[in-house]
Amino acid sequence: MFIRAYLRASTKEQDASRAKADLQRFAEERGLRIAASYVENESGASLQRPELFRLLSDCQPGDVLLVEQVDRLSRLNAADWEKLKAEIAAKRVRVVALDLPTSHQLIQQGGDEFSARMLDAINGMMLDMLAAIARKDYEDRRRRQTQGIEKAKASGVYKGRPEDTDRNEALMSMLKGGQTWASIVAATGASTSTLARLAKRIKEGP
């Protein structure tokens, strides 16, 4: 059994570092070691997450996918969550989340088959529930944000998010220099959607 930690760092790099330390502490308290960590820069609301699927590709049956919170794994809509669950089930990977206590026993080996199956069933139901809550929180936040922007626009005070021109110029220089998207993401933490927008800007010219 290998334990593979999955970390999403779509906002602040320090958040991923803190989460990584928490996951390592969780494993060490149980006399276990994390074999590999996978850091993702894509949104949990999207199924297009290369690091998550690289993790699953590396997994063998019985391996553990360890996350800090269920919403790090999924803020997906119902259809995409079912697709991800099917992929996890096909690989026979056990999901353990620090905020899902029913999953913690899955990281320990041993126990009888009946207890293991019961625990899997209970954990599956709880995982579904927390994934649904994470999606609802995401949709509520997006709705409030949209309402706030519309209100600000109506009041004539909305200016949008200011562009980080220095950062974008540096990213475009890296793109023009022939660096791969993967290397830029790894070095800067920029999202692939940002790189796509800047690549289009370069293509279109001044």
Protein backbone atom coordinates (compact mmCIF):
# COMPACT_ATOMS: atom_id res chain seq x y z
CA MET A 1 0.00 0.00 0.00
CA PHE A 2 1.27 3.44 -0.99
CA ILE A 3 -0.13 6.67 0.40
CA ARG A 4 -0.33 9.45 -2.20
CA ALA A 5 -1.11 12.98 -1.05
CA TYR A 6 -3.19 15.23 -3.29
CA LEU A 7 -2.90 19.00 -2.77
CA ARG A 8 -4.69 21.75 -4.63
CA ALA A 9 -2.88 25.09 -4.68
CA SER A 10 -5.13 27.16 -6.93
CA THR A 11 -4.83 30.23 -4.70
CA LYS A 12 -1.92 30.51 -2.27
CA GLU A 13 1.25 28.40 -2.29
CA GLN A 14 1.47 28.65 1.49
CA ASP A 15 -1.90 26.90 1.75
CA ALA A 16 -0.44 23.86 -0.04
CA SER A 17 2.63 23.88 2.22
CA ARG A 18 0.47 23.98 5.34
CA ALA A 19 -1.80 21.23 4.03
CA LYS A 20 1.21 19.08 3.12
CA ALA A 21 2.55 19.40 6.66
CA ASP A 22 -0.87 18.43 8.08
CA LEU A 23 -1.05 15.36 5.85
CA GLN A 24 2.48 14.29 6.78
CA ARG A 25 1.66 14.67 10.47
CA PHE A 26 -1.51 12.59 10.02
CA ALA A 27 0.46 9.77 8.37
CA GLU A 28 3.35 9.89 10.85
CA GLU A 29 0.97 9.64 13.83
CA ARG A 30 -0.11 6.28 12.40
CA GLY A 31 3.43 5.09 11.73
CA LEU A 32 3.03 5.55 7.97
CA ARG A 33 4.84 7.46 5.27
CA ILE A 34 3.55 9.43 2.28
CA ALA A 35 5.11 7.95 -0.85
CA ALA A 36 4.42 10.89 -3.17
CA SER A 37 2.68 14.28 -3.27
CA TYR A 38 0.83 15.74 -6.24
CA VAL A 39 0.21 19.49 -6.34
CA GLU A 40 -2.64 20.71 -8.57
CA ASN A 41 -3.21 24.25 -9.82
CA GLU A 42 -6.64 23.68 -11.32
CA SER A 43 -10.04 24.35 -9.76
CA GLY A 44 -11.79 21.61 -7.81
CA ALA A 45 -14.92 22.47 -9.82
CA SER A 46 -13.26 21.15 -12.99
CA LEU A 47 -12.61 17.54 -13.96
CA GLN A 48 -9.65 18.69 -16.06
CA ARG A 49 -6.98 18.10 -13.41
CA PRO A 50 -3.82 16.47 -14.79
CA GLU A 51 -2.13 15.95 -11.42
CA LEU A 52 -5.13 14.15 -9.96
CA PHE A 53 -5.27 11.77 -12.90
CA ARG A 54 -1.49 11.31 -12.83
CA LEU A 55 -1.90 10.27 -9.18
CA LEU A 56 -4.62 7.77 -10.10
CA SER A 57 -2.51 6.46 -12.97
CA ASP A 58 0.37 5.84 -10.56
CA CYS A 59 -1.87 4.01 -8.07
CA GLN A 60 -2.08 0.27 -7.55
CA PRO A 61 -5.13 -1.46 -5.99
CA GLY A 62 -5.26 -0.75 -2.27
CA ASP A 63 -3.33 2.52 -2.44
CA VAL A 64 -4.61 5.52 -0.49
CA LEU A 65 -5.47 8.94 -1.95
CA LEU A 66 -4.94 11.29 1.00
CA VAL A 67 -6.45 14.80 1.02
CA GLU A 68 -6.83 17.50 3.63
CA GLN A 69 -10.50 18.15 2.87
CA VAL A 70 -13.05 16.58 0.55
CA ASP A 71 -13.49 19.90 -1.26
CA ARG A 72 -9.81 19.69 -2.27
CA LEU A 73 -10.80 16.59 -4.22
CA SER A 74 -14.19 17.65 -5.51
CA ARG A 75 -16.38 20.66 -6.02
CA LEU A 76 -17.67 18.89 -9.10
CA ASN A 77 -21.21 18.77 -10.38
CA ALA A 78 -23.05 15.47 -9.89
CA ALA A 79 -22.22 14.03 -13.32
CA ASP A 80 -18.50 14.78 -13.10
CA TRP A 81 -18.33 13.53 -9.52
CA GLU A 82 -19.79 10.20 -10.67
CA LYS A 83 -17.12 10.00 -13.40
CA LEU A 84 -14.35 10.68 -10.89
CA LYS A 85 -15.77 8.15 -8.42
CA ALA A 86 -15.90 5.54 -11.18
CA GLU A 87 -12.24 6.19 -11.99
CA ILE A 88 -11.28 5.89 -8.32
CA ALA A 89 -13.32 2.68 -7.95
CA ALA A 90 -11.79 1.17 -11.11
CA LYS A 91 -8.33 1.72 -9.65
CA ARG A 92 -9.52 0.32 -6.27
CA VAL A 93 -8.11 3.35 -4.49
CA ARG A 94 -9.23 4.29 -0.97
CA VAL A 95 -9.95 7.97 -0.34
CA VAL A 96 -8.93 9.27 3.08
CA ALA A 97 -9.69 12.88 4.04
CA LEU A 98 -8.67 14.60 7.26
CA ASP A 99 -12.13 16.19 7.54
CA LEU A 100 -13.88 12.82 7.09
CA PRO A 101 -13.26 10.81 10.29
CA THR A 102 -15.06 7.73 8.94
CA SER A 103 -12.29 7.41 6.35
CA HIS A 104 -9.37 7.42 8.77
CA GLN A 105 -9.54 3.68 9.46
CA LEU A 106 -9.13 2.98 5.74
CA ILE A 107 -5.49 4.01 5.99
CA GLN A 108 -4.77 1.12 8.35
CA GLN A 109 -4.24 -2.35 6.98
CA GLY A 110 -5.84 -5.46 8.42
CA GLY A 111 -9.28 -6.16 9.84
CA ASP A 112 -11.92 -8.65 8.72
CA GLU A 113 -13.64 -8.46 5.34
CA PHE A 114 -17.12 -7.72 6.73
CA SER A 115 -15.92 -4.74 8.77
CA ALA A 116 -13.90 -3.47 5.81
CA ARG A 117 -16.94 -3.64 3.50
CA MET A 118 -19.18 -1.91 6.02
CA LEU A 119 -16.60 0.82 6.53
CA ASP A 120 -16.26 1.28 2.76
CA ALA A 121 -20.04 1.66 2.42
CA ILE A 122 -20.32 4.19 5.26
CA ASN A 123 -17.33 6.13 3.99
CA GLY A 124 -18.77 6.20 0.47
CA MET A 125 -22.02 7.73 1.69
CA MET A 126 -20.21 10.35 3.77
CA LEU A 127 -17.90 11.16 0.87
CA ASP A 128 -20.91 11.72 -1.41
CA MET A 129 -22.52 13.99 1.17
CA LEU A 130 -19.42 16.14 1.69
CA ALA A 131 -18.82 16.36 -2.07
CA ALA A 132 -22.41 17.59 -2.54
CA ILE A 133 -21.96 20.17 0.25
CA ALA A 134 -18.68 21.35 -1.32
CA ARG A 135 -20.42 21.81 -4.68
CA LYS A 136 -23.29 23.74 -3.09
CA ASP A 137 -20.86 26.01 -1.23
CA TYR A 138 -19.02 26.64 -4.51
CA GLU A 139 -22.23 27.47 -6.38
CA ASP A 140 -23.50 29.71 -3.54
CA ARG A 141 -20.21 31.62 -3.49
CA ARG A 142 -20.25 32.07 -7.26
CA ARG A 143 -23.86 33.29 -7.12
CA ARG A 144 -23.09 35.81 -4.37
CA GLN A 145 -20.07 37.00 -6.32
CA THR A 146 -22.15 37.48 -9.47
CA GLN A 147 -24.83 39.34 -7.52
CA GLY A 148 -22.17 41.59 -5.96
CA ILE A 149 -20.67 42.40 -9.35
CA GLU A 150 -24.09 43.17 -10.85
CA LYS A 151 -24.88 45.44 -7.92
CA ALA A 152 -21.53 47.21 -8.26
CA LYS A 153 -22.04 47.63 -11.99
CA ALA A 154 -25.49 49.11 -11.40
CA SER A 155 -23.94 51.54 -8.92
CA GLY A 156 -21.16 52.41 -11.37
CA VAL A 157 -18.38 51.35 -8.99
CA TYR A 158 -17.33 48.02 -10.49
CA LYS A 159 -13.89 48.10 -12.05
CA GLY A 160 -13.06 44.39 -12.25
CA ARG A 161 -9.92 42.70 -11.01
CA PRO A 162 -6.80 44.73 -11.89
CA GLU A 163 -4.40 42.88 -14.15
CA ASP A 164 -1.01 41.95 -12.72
CA THR A 165 0.86 43.34 -15.70
CA ASP A 166 4.37 42.60 -14.39
CA ARG A 167 3.50 38.97 -13.74
CA ASN A 168 1.76 38.55 -17.08
CA GLU A 169 4.68 40.11 -18.95
CA ALA A 170 7.01 37.64 -17.24
CA LEU A 171 4.74 34.74 -18.15
CA MET A 172 4.53 35.88 -21.77
CA SER A 173 8.33 36.12 -21.90
CA MET A 174 8.54 32.52 -20.72
CA LEU A 175 6.00 31.44 -23.34
CA LYS A 176 7.85 33.32 -26.08
CA GLY A 177 11.08 31.73 -24.89
CA GLY A 178 9.68 28.30 -25.65
CA GLN A 179 9.19 27.03 -22.12
CA THR A 180 6.55 24.34 -21.77
CA TRP A 181 3.31 25.10 -19.98
CA ALA A 182 4.07 22.39 -17.43
CA SER A 183 7.42 23.95 -16.51
CA ILE A 184 5.85 27.43 -16.22
CA VAL A 185 3.05 26.11 -13.99
CA ALA A 186 5.59 24.29 -11.81
CA ALA A 187 7.82 27.37 -11.52
CA THR A 188 5.18 30.08 -11.05
CA GLY A 189 1.95 28.44 -9.92
CA ALA A 190 0.10 30.11 -12.80
CA SER A 191 -3.04 28.32 -13.96
CA THR A 192 -3.30 26.79 -17.42
CA SER A 193 -6.29 29.05 -18.13
CA THR A 194 -4.07 32.11 -17.53
CA LEU A 195 -1.40 30.68 -19.84
CA ALA A 196 -4.01 29.98 -22.51
CA ARG A 197 -5.26 33.58 -22.33
CA LEU A 198 -1.72 34.97 -22.55
CA ALA A 199 -0.78 32.61 -25.40
CA LYS A 200 -3.81 33.86 -27.31
CA ARG A 201 -2.74 37.44 -26.62
CA ILE A 202 0.73 36.69 -28.01
CA LYS A 203 -0.77 35.07 -31.12
CA GLU A 204 -3.08 37.99 -31.79
CA GLY A 205 -0.23 40.48 -31.39
CA PRO A 206 -0.49 44.15 -30.40
